[in-house]
N, C-alpha and C. Protein backbone atom coordinates (compact mmCIF):
# COMPACT_ATOMS: atom_id res chain seq x y z
N MET A 1 48.63 -35.36 -39.67
CA MET A 1 49.55 -35.82 -40.68
C MET A 1 50.37 -34.64 -41.15
N ARG A 2 51.66 -34.82 -41.11
CA ARG A 2 52.51 -33.67 -41.37
C ARG A 2 52.81 -33.48 -42.85
N ARG A 3 53.06 -32.24 -43.18
CA ARG A 3 53.53 -31.86 -44.51
C ARG A 3 54.86 -31.16 -44.28
N VAL A 4 55.68 -31.18 -45.28
CA VAL A 4 57.02 -30.64 -45.14
C VAL A 4 57.24 -29.47 -46.08
N SER A 5 58.35 -28.74 -45.88
CA SER A 5 58.61 -27.56 -46.69
C SER A 5 59.12 -27.88 -48.08
N SER A 6 59.75 -29.02 -48.28
CA SER A 6 60.23 -29.43 -49.60
C SER A 6 59.06 -30.03 -50.39
N THR A 7 59.21 -30.08 -51.69
CA THR A 7 58.26 -30.81 -52.53
C THR A 7 58.70 -32.27 -52.52
N VAL A 8 57.84 -33.14 -52.01
CA VAL A 8 58.19 -34.55 -51.84
C VAL A 8 57.61 -35.35 -53.00
N ILE A 9 58.48 -36.12 -53.65
CA ILE A 9 58.10 -36.91 -54.81
C ILE A 9 58.48 -38.36 -54.57
N VAL A 10 57.51 -39.25 -54.72
CA VAL A 10 57.77 -40.68 -54.65
C VAL A 10 57.84 -41.20 -56.08
N VAL A 11 58.93 -41.89 -56.38
CA VAL A 11 59.06 -42.56 -57.67
C VAL A 11 58.66 -44.00 -57.44
N ALA A 12 57.70 -44.48 -58.23
CA ALA A 12 57.17 -45.83 -58.06
C ALA A 12 57.34 -46.62 -59.35
N GLY A 13 57.67 -47.87 -59.18
CA GLY A 13 57.81 -48.76 -60.33
C GLY A 13 59.00 -49.67 -60.15
N GLU A 14 59.14 -50.59 -61.08
CA GLU A 14 60.16 -51.62 -60.97
C GLU A 14 61.58 -51.06 -60.85
N HIS A 15 61.87 -49.97 -61.52
CA HIS A 15 63.23 -49.41 -61.52
C HIS A 15 63.33 -48.13 -60.68
N ALA A 16 62.43 -47.97 -59.72
CA ALA A 16 62.38 -46.73 -58.93
C ALA A 16 63.69 -46.45 -58.19
N ALA A 17 64.26 -47.44 -57.52
CA ALA A 17 65.49 -47.21 -56.76
C ALA A 17 66.62 -46.74 -57.67
N GLU A 18 66.73 -47.33 -58.84
CA GLU A 18 67.77 -46.93 -59.79
C GLU A 18 67.56 -45.49 -60.27
N VAL A 19 66.32 -45.15 -60.56
CA VAL A 19 66.00 -43.80 -61.03
C VAL A 19 66.30 -42.78 -59.94
N VAL A 20 65.88 -43.06 -58.72
CA VAL A 20 66.13 -42.14 -57.60
C VAL A 20 67.63 -41.98 -57.39
N ALA A 21 68.36 -43.08 -57.39
CA ALA A 21 69.82 -43.01 -57.22
C ALA A 21 70.46 -42.16 -58.32
N GLY A 22 69.90 -42.21 -59.52
CA GLY A 22 70.42 -41.42 -60.63
C GLY A 22 70.19 -39.93 -60.47
N LEU A 23 69.30 -39.53 -59.56
CA LEU A 23 69.03 -38.12 -59.31
C LEU A 23 69.95 -37.54 -58.23
N ASP A 24 70.67 -38.42 -57.54
CA ASP A 24 71.56 -37.98 -56.46
C ASP A 24 72.60 -37.02 -57.00
N GLY A 25 72.79 -35.93 -56.31
CA GLY A 25 73.79 -34.94 -56.71
C GLY A 25 73.23 -33.81 -57.55
N MET A 26 71.97 -33.91 -57.96
CA MET A 26 71.37 -32.81 -58.71
C MET A 26 71.15 -31.62 -57.78
N ARG A 27 71.31 -30.46 -58.32
CA ARG A 27 71.10 -29.25 -57.54
C ARG A 27 69.65 -29.16 -57.07
N ASN A 28 69.45 -28.82 -55.82
CA ASN A 28 68.13 -28.66 -55.19
C ASN A 28 67.33 -29.95 -55.07
N VAL A 29 68.00 -31.11 -55.22
CA VAL A 29 67.31 -32.39 -55.10
C VAL A 29 68.00 -33.23 -54.04
N ARG A 30 67.21 -33.72 -53.10
CA ARG A 30 67.71 -34.68 -52.12
C ARG A 30 67.12 -36.02 -52.53
N ALA A 31 67.97 -36.95 -52.96
CA ALA A 31 67.52 -38.26 -53.42
C ALA A 31 67.78 -39.28 -52.32
N LEU A 32 66.72 -39.99 -51.93
CA LEU A 32 66.81 -40.98 -50.86
C LEU A 32 66.22 -42.30 -51.34
N THR A 33 66.91 -43.39 -51.07
CA THR A 33 66.34 -44.70 -51.43
C THR A 33 66.01 -45.47 -50.17
N ALA A 34 64.96 -46.28 -50.26
CA ALA A 34 64.51 -47.07 -49.12
C ALA A 34 65.56 -48.08 -48.68
N VAL A 35 66.40 -48.51 -49.58
CA VAL A 35 67.45 -49.48 -49.25
C VAL A 35 68.42 -48.88 -48.22
N GLU A 36 68.64 -47.58 -48.30
CA GLU A 36 69.58 -46.90 -47.41
C GLU A 36 69.05 -46.69 -46.00
N ARG A 37 67.70 -46.65 -45.85
CA ARG A 37 67.09 -46.28 -44.57
C ARG A 37 65.84 -47.11 -44.31
N GLY A 38 65.51 -47.24 -43.04
CA GLY A 38 64.24 -47.84 -42.66
C GLY A 38 63.15 -46.81 -42.79
N PRO A 39 61.88 -47.21 -42.65
CA PRO A 39 60.77 -46.25 -42.81
C PRO A 39 60.84 -45.06 -41.87
N ASP A 40 61.18 -45.28 -40.60
CA ASP A 40 61.25 -44.17 -39.66
C ASP A 40 62.38 -43.21 -40.02
N GLN A 41 63.54 -43.77 -40.40
CA GLN A 41 64.67 -42.93 -40.79
C GLN A 41 64.35 -42.15 -42.05
N LEU A 42 63.66 -42.78 -42.98
CA LEU A 42 63.31 -42.11 -44.22
C LEU A 42 62.35 -40.95 -43.95
N ALA A 43 61.33 -41.18 -43.14
CA ALA A 43 60.37 -40.12 -42.80
C ALA A 43 61.09 -38.95 -42.13
N GLU A 44 62.02 -39.26 -41.25
CA GLU A 44 62.79 -38.21 -40.58
C GLU A 44 63.65 -37.43 -41.58
N ALA A 45 64.31 -38.14 -42.50
CA ALA A 45 65.14 -37.48 -43.51
C ALA A 45 64.29 -36.59 -44.43
N VAL A 46 63.11 -37.06 -44.77
CA VAL A 46 62.21 -36.28 -45.63
C VAL A 46 61.79 -35.00 -44.92
N THR A 47 61.40 -35.10 -43.67
CA THR A 47 60.92 -33.91 -42.96
C THR A 47 62.04 -32.93 -42.62
N ARG A 48 63.26 -33.40 -42.51
CA ARG A 48 64.38 -32.51 -42.19
C ARG A 48 65.04 -31.89 -43.41
N ALA A 49 64.75 -32.41 -44.59
CA ALA A 49 65.40 -31.94 -45.81
C ALA A 49 65.06 -30.48 -46.06
N ARG A 50 66.01 -29.75 -46.57
CA ARG A 50 65.82 -28.33 -46.87
C ARG A 50 65.99 -28.04 -48.36
N SER A 51 66.06 -29.07 -49.18
CA SER A 51 66.19 -28.86 -50.61
C SER A 51 64.81 -28.59 -51.22
N THR A 52 64.81 -28.10 -52.43
CA THR A 52 63.55 -27.82 -53.11
C THR A 52 62.74 -29.10 -53.30
N TYR A 53 63.42 -30.18 -53.72
CA TYR A 53 62.77 -31.46 -53.97
C TYR A 53 63.40 -32.55 -53.12
N VAL A 54 62.56 -33.40 -52.56
CA VAL A 54 63.00 -34.63 -51.92
C VAL A 54 62.36 -35.74 -52.73
N VAL A 55 63.21 -36.56 -53.34
CA VAL A 55 62.73 -37.64 -54.19
C VAL A 55 63.14 -38.95 -53.55
N HIS A 56 62.16 -39.87 -53.39
CA HIS A 56 62.49 -41.17 -52.81
C HIS A 56 61.60 -42.26 -53.40
N ASP A 57 61.89 -43.50 -53.03
CA ASP A 57 61.18 -44.65 -53.61
C ASP A 57 60.38 -45.43 -52.57
N ALA A 58 60.12 -44.85 -51.42
CA ALA A 58 59.40 -45.55 -50.35
C ALA A 58 57.96 -45.05 -50.29
N ASP A 59 57.11 -45.65 -51.06
CA ASP A 59 55.71 -45.24 -51.15
C ASP A 59 54.99 -45.47 -49.83
N PRO A 60 54.48 -44.41 -49.19
CA PRO A 60 53.77 -44.59 -47.93
C PRO A 60 52.43 -45.31 -48.08
N LEU A 61 51.91 -45.36 -49.30
CA LEU A 61 50.64 -46.04 -49.54
C LEU A 61 50.84 -47.40 -50.23
N ALA A 62 52.06 -47.90 -50.22
CA ALA A 62 52.36 -49.16 -50.93
C ALA A 62 51.51 -50.32 -50.45
N GLU A 63 51.38 -50.49 -49.15
CA GLU A 63 50.60 -51.62 -48.63
C GLU A 63 49.12 -51.47 -48.94
N VAL A 64 48.63 -50.25 -48.91
CA VAL A 64 47.23 -50.01 -49.25
C VAL A 64 47.01 -50.32 -50.73
N GLY A 65 47.90 -49.85 -51.58
CA GLY A 65 47.78 -50.11 -53.02
C GLY A 65 47.85 -51.60 -53.34
N ARG A 66 48.78 -52.30 -52.70
CA ARG A 66 48.91 -53.74 -52.91
C ARG A 66 47.65 -54.45 -52.45
N ALA A 67 47.14 -54.07 -51.28
CA ALA A 67 45.94 -54.71 -50.74
C ALA A 67 44.71 -54.37 -51.58
N TRP A 68 44.61 -53.14 -52.07
CA TRP A 68 43.48 -52.75 -52.91
C TRP A 68 43.46 -53.58 -54.19
N ALA A 69 44.61 -53.67 -54.85
CA ALA A 69 44.69 -54.48 -56.07
C ALA A 69 44.36 -55.94 -55.76
N GLY A 70 44.89 -56.47 -54.67
CA GLY A 70 44.61 -57.84 -54.28
C GLY A 70 43.16 -58.07 -53.92
N PHE A 71 42.54 -57.08 -53.31
CA PHE A 71 41.11 -57.16 -52.96
C PHE A 71 40.28 -57.38 -54.22
N PHE A 72 40.56 -56.61 -55.27
CA PHE A 72 39.78 -56.72 -56.49
C PHE A 72 40.25 -57.85 -57.40
N ASP A 73 41.48 -58.29 -57.25
CA ASP A 73 41.96 -59.44 -58.02
C ASP A 73 41.62 -60.76 -57.34
N GLY A 74 41.13 -60.69 -56.10
CA GLY A 74 40.76 -61.90 -55.36
C GLY A 74 41.94 -62.62 -54.74
N THR A 75 43.06 -61.93 -54.56
CA THR A 75 44.25 -62.55 -53.96
C THR A 75 44.52 -62.09 -52.54
N GLU A 76 43.81 -61.08 -52.09
CA GLU A 76 44.01 -60.54 -50.75
C GLU A 76 43.06 -61.25 -49.78
N PRO A 77 43.55 -61.66 -48.61
CA PRO A 77 42.65 -62.29 -47.63
C PRO A 77 41.53 -61.33 -47.21
N VAL A 78 40.43 -61.89 -46.79
CA VAL A 78 39.30 -61.09 -46.30
C VAL A 78 39.80 -60.18 -45.18
N GLY A 79 39.49 -58.90 -45.29
CA GLY A 79 39.90 -57.93 -44.28
C GLY A 79 41.29 -57.36 -44.48
N GLY A 80 42.03 -57.87 -45.45
CA GLY A 80 43.40 -57.40 -45.67
C GLY A 80 43.49 -55.95 -46.06
N LEU A 81 42.58 -55.50 -46.91
CA LEU A 81 42.58 -54.09 -47.32
C LEU A 81 42.28 -53.19 -46.14
N GLU A 82 41.32 -53.57 -45.35
CA GLU A 82 40.95 -52.76 -44.18
C GLU A 82 42.11 -52.68 -43.19
N VAL A 83 42.81 -53.79 -42.99
CA VAL A 83 43.97 -53.81 -42.09
C VAL A 83 45.06 -52.89 -42.64
N ALA A 84 45.34 -52.98 -43.94
CA ALA A 84 46.37 -52.13 -44.55
C ALA A 84 46.02 -50.66 -44.40
N VAL A 85 44.75 -50.32 -44.58
CA VAL A 85 44.30 -48.93 -44.44
C VAL A 85 44.51 -48.45 -43.00
N GLU A 86 44.07 -49.24 -42.03
CA GLU A 86 44.19 -48.81 -40.63
C GLU A 86 45.65 -48.71 -40.19
N GLU A 87 46.50 -49.63 -40.62
CA GLU A 87 47.93 -49.55 -40.27
C GLU A 87 48.57 -48.33 -40.90
N THR A 88 48.21 -48.03 -42.14
CA THR A 88 48.76 -46.85 -42.80
C THR A 88 48.28 -45.58 -42.13
N LEU A 89 47.00 -45.52 -41.78
CA LEU A 89 46.48 -44.34 -41.08
C LEU A 89 47.17 -44.14 -39.73
N ALA A 90 47.41 -45.23 -39.01
CA ALA A 90 48.11 -45.13 -37.73
C ALA A 90 49.52 -44.59 -37.93
N ALA A 91 50.21 -45.06 -38.97
CA ALA A 91 51.57 -44.58 -39.25
C ALA A 91 51.57 -43.12 -39.70
N LEU A 92 50.56 -42.72 -40.46
CA LEU A 92 50.45 -41.31 -40.86
C LEU A 92 50.19 -40.42 -39.64
N ARG A 93 49.29 -40.86 -38.76
CA ARG A 93 49.00 -40.09 -37.54
C ARG A 93 50.22 -39.97 -36.66
N ALA A 94 51.00 -41.05 -36.57
CA ALA A 94 52.20 -41.06 -35.72
C ALA A 94 53.39 -40.40 -36.42
N GLU A 95 53.16 -39.95 -37.65
CA GLU A 95 54.19 -39.28 -38.46
C GLU A 95 55.38 -40.18 -38.78
N ARG A 96 55.11 -41.48 -38.86
CA ARG A 96 56.13 -42.43 -39.34
C ARG A 96 56.11 -42.50 -40.86
N LEU A 97 55.05 -42.01 -41.45
CA LEU A 97 54.91 -41.93 -42.90
C LEU A 97 54.52 -40.50 -43.27
N VAL A 98 54.94 -40.07 -44.46
CA VAL A 98 54.61 -38.74 -44.96
C VAL A 98 54.05 -38.91 -46.37
N LEU A 99 52.85 -38.39 -46.60
CA LEU A 99 52.30 -38.44 -47.95
C LEU A 99 53.11 -37.52 -48.86
N PRO A 100 53.39 -37.98 -50.07
CA PRO A 100 54.17 -37.13 -50.99
C PRO A 100 53.28 -36.07 -51.64
N ASP A 101 53.93 -35.10 -52.22
CA ASP A 101 53.22 -34.11 -53.01
C ASP A 101 52.88 -34.68 -54.39
N TYR A 102 53.77 -35.54 -54.90
CA TYR A 102 53.59 -36.13 -56.23
C TYR A 102 54.05 -37.58 -56.22
N TYR A 103 53.44 -38.35 -57.10
CA TYR A 103 53.91 -39.69 -57.44
C TYR A 103 54.34 -39.65 -58.89
N VAL A 104 55.54 -40.14 -59.17
CA VAL A 104 55.98 -40.35 -60.55
C VAL A 104 55.96 -41.86 -60.74
N VAL A 105 55.08 -42.31 -61.62
CA VAL A 105 54.87 -43.74 -61.84
C VAL A 105 55.61 -44.13 -63.12
N LEU A 106 56.58 -45.01 -62.96
CA LEU A 106 57.39 -45.45 -64.08
C LEU A 106 56.66 -46.51 -64.89
N GLU A 107 56.58 -46.31 -66.16
CA GLU A 107 55.98 -47.25 -67.11
C GLU A 107 54.62 -47.81 -66.67
N PRO A 108 53.63 -46.97 -66.43
CA PRO A 108 52.34 -47.49 -65.96
C PRO A 108 51.67 -48.43 -66.96
N ASP A 109 51.94 -48.28 -68.25
CA ASP A 109 51.33 -49.17 -69.24
C ASP A 109 51.82 -50.61 -69.11
N GLU A 110 52.95 -50.80 -68.45
CA GLU A 110 53.51 -52.15 -68.28
C GLU A 110 52.98 -52.84 -67.02
N LEU A 111 52.21 -52.14 -66.22
CA LEU A 111 51.70 -52.69 -64.96
C LEU A 111 50.46 -53.56 -65.20
N PRO A 112 50.22 -54.53 -64.31
CA PRO A 112 48.97 -55.28 -64.39
C PRO A 112 47.79 -54.31 -64.30
N ALA A 113 46.67 -54.68 -64.93
CA ALA A 113 45.52 -53.78 -65.06
C ALA A 113 45.05 -53.20 -63.73
N THR A 114 44.88 -54.02 -62.71
CA THR A 114 44.35 -53.51 -61.45
C THR A 114 45.34 -52.57 -60.78
N VAL A 115 46.62 -52.87 -60.87
CA VAL A 115 47.65 -51.99 -60.29
C VAL A 115 47.66 -50.67 -61.05
N ARG A 116 47.53 -50.73 -62.36
CA ARG A 116 47.46 -49.49 -63.17
C ARG A 116 46.25 -48.65 -62.74
N HIS A 117 45.11 -49.31 -62.47
CA HIS A 117 43.92 -48.59 -61.98
C HIS A 117 44.19 -47.93 -60.63
N TRP A 118 45.01 -48.57 -59.79
CA TRP A 118 45.37 -47.96 -58.51
C TRP A 118 46.05 -46.62 -58.76
N TRP A 119 47.07 -46.63 -59.62
CA TRP A 119 47.86 -45.42 -59.85
C TRP A 119 47.09 -44.37 -60.63
N LEU A 120 46.54 -44.78 -61.78
CA LEU A 120 45.96 -43.80 -62.69
C LEU A 120 44.46 -43.60 -62.49
N GLY A 121 43.85 -44.40 -61.62
CA GLY A 121 42.44 -44.24 -61.29
C GLY A 121 42.25 -43.73 -59.89
N VAL A 122 42.61 -44.57 -58.90
CA VAL A 122 42.38 -44.21 -57.50
C VAL A 122 43.20 -42.98 -57.10
N LEU A 123 44.52 -43.07 -57.22
CA LEU A 123 45.36 -41.94 -56.77
C LEU A 123 45.18 -40.71 -57.67
N ALA A 124 45.19 -40.91 -58.99
CA ALA A 124 45.01 -39.76 -59.88
C ALA A 124 43.62 -39.17 -59.74
N GLY A 125 42.63 -39.99 -59.41
CA GLY A 125 41.28 -39.47 -59.18
C GLY A 125 41.20 -38.60 -57.94
N ALA A 126 42.00 -38.94 -56.94
CA ALA A 126 42.00 -38.17 -55.68
C ALA A 126 42.74 -36.84 -55.84
N ALA A 127 43.78 -36.84 -56.65
CA ALA A 127 44.59 -35.63 -56.85
C ALA A 127 45.15 -35.69 -58.28
N PRO A 128 44.38 -35.24 -59.27
CA PRO A 128 44.68 -35.48 -60.69
C PRO A 128 46.08 -35.11 -61.18
N VAL A 129 46.60 -33.96 -60.84
CA VAL A 129 47.92 -33.59 -61.37
C VAL A 129 49.07 -34.10 -60.50
N ARG A 130 48.75 -34.80 -59.45
CA ARG A 130 49.76 -35.26 -58.51
C ARG A 130 50.30 -36.66 -58.83
N VAL A 131 49.78 -37.30 -59.87
CA VAL A 131 50.26 -38.62 -60.30
C VAL A 131 50.70 -38.46 -61.76
N VAL A 132 52.00 -38.64 -61.98
CA VAL A 132 52.58 -38.34 -63.29
C VAL A 132 53.28 -39.59 -63.83
N PRO A 133 52.88 -40.07 -65.02
CA PRO A 133 53.58 -41.20 -65.62
C PRO A 133 54.91 -40.74 -66.21
N ALA A 134 55.89 -41.65 -66.24
CA ALA A 134 57.20 -41.29 -66.78
C ALA A 134 57.93 -42.53 -67.28
N PRO A 135 58.85 -42.34 -68.21
CA PRO A 135 59.73 -43.45 -68.61
C PRO A 135 60.70 -43.75 -67.46
N PRO A 136 61.25 -44.95 -67.42
CA PRO A 136 62.11 -45.35 -66.29
C PRO A 136 63.56 -44.86 -66.41
N SER A 137 63.74 -43.55 -66.41
CA SER A 137 65.11 -43.02 -66.46
C SER A 137 65.22 -41.80 -65.57
N ALA A 138 66.40 -41.63 -64.99
CA ALA A 138 66.64 -40.47 -64.12
C ALA A 138 66.52 -39.18 -64.93
N GLY A 139 66.96 -39.19 -66.17
CA GLY A 139 66.87 -38.00 -67.00
C GLY A 139 65.43 -37.57 -67.23
N ALA A 140 64.56 -38.53 -67.51
CA ALA A 140 63.15 -38.22 -67.74
C ALA A 140 62.51 -37.66 -66.47
N VAL A 141 62.83 -38.25 -65.32
CA VAL A 141 62.27 -37.77 -64.06
C VAL A 141 62.84 -36.40 -63.72
N ALA A 142 64.12 -36.18 -63.94
CA ALA A 142 64.72 -34.87 -63.69
C ALA A 142 64.04 -33.80 -64.53
N GLU A 143 63.73 -34.12 -65.76
CA GLU A 143 63.04 -33.17 -66.64
C GLU A 143 61.64 -32.85 -66.12
N LEU A 144 60.97 -33.85 -65.56
CA LEU A 144 59.63 -33.65 -65.01
C LEU A 144 59.61 -32.69 -63.82
N LEU A 145 60.67 -32.68 -63.03
CA LEU A 145 60.67 -31.89 -61.80
C LEU A 145 60.33 -30.43 -62.05
N GLY A 146 60.86 -29.87 -63.11
CA GLY A 146 60.60 -28.46 -63.41
C GLY A 146 59.25 -28.21 -64.04
N ARG A 147 58.53 -29.28 -64.40
CA ARG A 147 57.25 -29.12 -65.08
C ARG A 147 56.06 -29.62 -64.27
N LEU A 148 56.26 -29.92 -63.00
CA LEU A 148 55.15 -30.40 -62.18
C LEU A 148 54.12 -29.29 -62.01
N GLN A 149 52.87 -29.64 -62.19
CA GLN A 149 51.78 -28.65 -62.11
C GLN A 149 51.23 -28.58 -60.70
N ALA A 150 50.78 -27.41 -60.35
CA ALA A 150 50.10 -27.24 -59.07
C ALA A 150 48.68 -27.77 -59.21
N GLY A 151 48.16 -28.27 -58.14
CA GLY A 151 46.79 -28.78 -58.14
C GLY A 151 46.42 -29.15 -56.72
N ARG A 152 45.17 -29.56 -56.56
CA ARG A 152 44.75 -29.91 -55.20
C ARG A 152 45.61 -31.04 -54.68
N TRP A 153 45.83 -30.99 -53.38
CA TRP A 153 46.61 -32.02 -52.70
C TRP A 153 45.69 -33.19 -52.46
N TRP A 154 46.09 -34.16 -51.71
CA TRP A 154 45.25 -35.32 -51.41
C TRP A 154 44.00 -34.86 -50.69
N PRO A 155 42.98 -35.69 -50.66
CA PRO A 155 41.74 -35.27 -49.99
C PRO A 155 42.01 -34.76 -48.57
N GLN A 156 41.29 -33.73 -48.20
CA GLN A 156 41.48 -33.15 -46.87
C GLN A 156 41.24 -34.18 -45.78
N ASP A 157 40.24 -35.02 -45.97
CA ASP A 157 39.95 -36.07 -45.00
C ASP A 157 40.56 -37.39 -45.52
N VAL A 158 41.85 -37.54 -45.32
CA VAL A 158 42.58 -38.72 -45.80
C VAL A 158 42.00 -39.99 -45.19
N GLU A 159 41.61 -39.93 -43.94
CA GLU A 159 41.06 -41.12 -43.27
C GLU A 159 39.80 -41.61 -43.98
N ALA A 160 38.87 -40.73 -44.24
CA ALA A 160 37.63 -41.13 -44.92
C ALA A 160 37.92 -41.63 -46.33
N TRP A 161 38.81 -40.95 -47.03
CA TRP A 161 39.18 -41.35 -48.39
C TRP A 161 39.73 -42.78 -48.41
N LEU A 162 40.68 -43.05 -47.53
CA LEU A 162 41.28 -44.39 -47.52
C LEU A 162 40.27 -45.46 -47.07
N ARG A 163 39.43 -45.12 -46.13
CA ARG A 163 38.44 -46.10 -45.65
C ARG A 163 37.36 -46.40 -46.69
N GLU A 164 37.19 -45.54 -47.67
CA GLU A 164 36.22 -45.77 -48.74
C GLU A 164 36.77 -46.65 -49.86
N LEU A 165 38.05 -46.97 -49.84
CA LEU A 165 38.67 -47.70 -50.94
C LEU A 165 38.02 -49.04 -51.29
N PRO A 166 37.48 -49.79 -50.34
CA PRO A 166 36.82 -51.04 -50.74
C PRO A 166 35.62 -50.82 -51.67
N ARG A 167 35.11 -49.61 -51.72
CA ARG A 167 33.97 -49.30 -52.59
C ARG A 167 34.40 -48.68 -53.92
N VAL A 168 35.71 -48.49 -54.12
CA VAL A 168 36.21 -47.89 -55.35
C VAL A 168 36.60 -49.03 -56.31
N VAL A 169 35.76 -49.25 -57.31
CA VAL A 169 35.93 -50.35 -58.26
C VAL A 169 36.96 -49.96 -59.32
N PRO A 170 37.89 -50.87 -59.66
CA PRO A 170 38.97 -50.54 -60.59
C PRO A 170 38.54 -49.85 -61.88
N ASP A 171 37.57 -50.39 -62.60
CA ASP A 171 37.19 -49.78 -63.88
C ASP A 171 36.48 -48.44 -63.72
N ARG A 172 36.09 -48.10 -62.51
CA ARG A 172 35.41 -46.83 -62.24
C ARG A 172 36.28 -45.88 -61.43
N ALA A 173 37.43 -46.33 -60.99
CA ALA A 173 38.31 -45.51 -60.14
C ALA A 173 38.70 -44.23 -60.86
N GLY A 174 38.52 -43.11 -60.19
CA GLY A 174 38.92 -41.82 -60.71
C GLY A 174 37.88 -41.16 -61.59
N LEU A 175 36.81 -41.87 -61.91
CA LEU A 175 35.76 -41.28 -62.74
C LEU A 175 34.74 -40.58 -61.85
N SER A 176 34.30 -39.43 -62.26
CA SER A 176 33.25 -38.71 -61.53
C SER A 176 31.94 -39.48 -61.68
N ALA A 177 31.12 -39.36 -60.68
CA ALA A 177 29.81 -39.99 -60.77
C ALA A 177 29.03 -39.31 -61.90
N GLN A 178 28.53 -40.11 -62.82
CA GLN A 178 27.78 -39.58 -63.95
C GLN A 178 26.28 -39.76 -63.68
N PRO A 179 25.50 -38.74 -63.94
CA PRO A 179 24.06 -38.89 -63.73
C PRO A 179 23.50 -39.90 -64.75
N SER A 180 22.47 -40.61 -64.34
CA SER A 180 21.83 -41.57 -65.23
C SER A 180 21.08 -40.81 -66.32
N PRO A 181 21.08 -41.36 -67.57
CA PRO A 181 20.34 -40.67 -68.65
C PRO A 181 18.85 -40.73 -68.43
């Protein structure tokens, strides 16, 4: 799975495309929207970018997140989460998808509970400073760019991490295992 020289940021949320478009033209920022490109073209544009930041709205883990939330909400067909994980892993291996350095999640408090657990539990639990909540404005996201903290990247064994997701319960996602009293 490839990593790139730019800092890659995925903006996620209802107004993500608008926020990303609002960042276009900023110095040292390459803003890309999924509407402009297909997944392969977007991955290629991300890896070829030479700006400090590449910001886009095409979450490479979107199908996994949707399937995980559906798995626990009871709306995902049996095996759907496992299929989403394997398809995402295949795309990551083939370099059709690139994991971002950061996720900026717009208005997480407005999200359904299980989806919020995906962002602020599962993903933030895997890489705590790499998931940042933000208001839905280009100005707020632009301000965040200069304040992103360094921290561990996604788990070294992404395959094992993603394959363990059916065992990550929403209300416990991101919490360290606590010893019994």
